[in-house]
Amino acid sequence: MLQANGKRSFVGKCLVAAVGAALLTGAARADDDGAVYVLSNQLGNNSVIVFDRSSEGALSYSGSYSTGGLGTGPLGTSGAPFLDPLGSQDSLVLHSGFLFAVNAGSNDVSMFAVKGRDLVLLDKVPSGGQKPVSVAVNGFHVYVVNQGTATVAPNISGFTIDPIKSRLIPLAGSQRSLVGGLAANPAEAAFNGDGIVLPVTEKGTNIIDSYQVDFHGYASEPASNPSSGSGPFGFSVTYSGFAFVSDSGGEAASSYKITRNGNLNLVSGPVSNGAQAAPCWLVTTIDGRFAYEANAGSSSIASFQVAPSRVLSLVNAQAAAIGAGLLDMALTPDSKYLYVRDGSGTVNGYQVARDGSLASVASTPTGSLPAGAQGIAAR
């Protein structure tokens, strides 16, 4: 049953990719090298801020597009711009010509079409819970992580993309609880390579949930996988079926093999990041050779090499140092450029060398992003 689901998921990916390509046909300009997207997460009007990306990695402001929903604004504490108001990764996700954005203040999710340098809002639907913070997409299937509140338990909720009417259709009865309940404090969800397993990190309980997802997009009840490190937060899943997870409470990262029955088996970890504080976000290059961890407390990016066995080893504890409280990061699809948000409202750009080292290439002016901005995606 799972094998069939994997094959059909591949077909679904191809269909969605074809629809995305159709949306983009004739819309992208010859000089449209790429873009970087950031979610404003503002109380009054949540929006996606777009920066054009040149072939050399430089960024320039392009525009802002309303999600039709509300954000949460910055945390109401001193130093709020340096803190992540949603405590998550993948609050903004690109997939096959679409861009998905959470509206944590109004409990809904927006779907845009990416048309060259422009975004077109296609749909906005309730998230199926309270405070959506992360989105996972595979083929036609979409899952949203709802972080919940002090009295409302977190959950995941499923949707289907209708490529004909360009809508998000809620999957009735798809809501599933998290293992940790009210204490879970989830950070991210992401599908494995063939879309049949959906891991979710619980930084509040040191658990990584895993759900098996069937052909129709319905998730099973969660299985509980103990985290190797403390505070599993952001993670990246490679096409080969391995998950690389930041251990936000332990100054480390870990790697796991995702099995077809939904188990996460430890490969390596916790692997020290060189005493870099509050490692919250993690991405891996498209070839699976390098992983980068953004450390909010040390304002640094730690780089790891990934062996063929998927064992992690630290390369450089400070492959880049920014000095303004890192908040989130994203690689371009070809992994040639890495973009990082910081607490001063800046997007910093780096070129990724063949040996995994980072060279600064661009940054937006200080204050380009409002306090409380959340999430980043790049193409």
Foldseek 3Di string as FASTA:
>chain_A
DLVVLLVVLVVLQVVLLVLLVVLQVPQADPQQPKWKWWWQQAAPWIWIWIWGAGPLGATDGDDIGTQPAHGDFFDPDPLRLQDAPLQAAAQWDDGNQKIKHAHQNGQKIWIWGDHHRDTHTQEIDHQPAHGWAHWEDGRQKIKTWHQHDQPGWIWIWIWGQDSVSRYTHGDPPQIEGDPVTSQQRWHYWYAAQSRQKIWIHRLRPQWIWIWGAGNVGHTDHTDTAHHQAHRWHAWEHANVAKIKTDRQQHQAIFIFHQDSVGYTHTDDDREHLPPQHRFHYKDAANVRQKMWTQRQRQQAIWIWGQDPSRYTHTDGSHLDHDPAGWAYKEAANNRQKIWTAGSQRKIWMWGQDPVRRTDTRYMDDGPVHDRNIHYMYMD
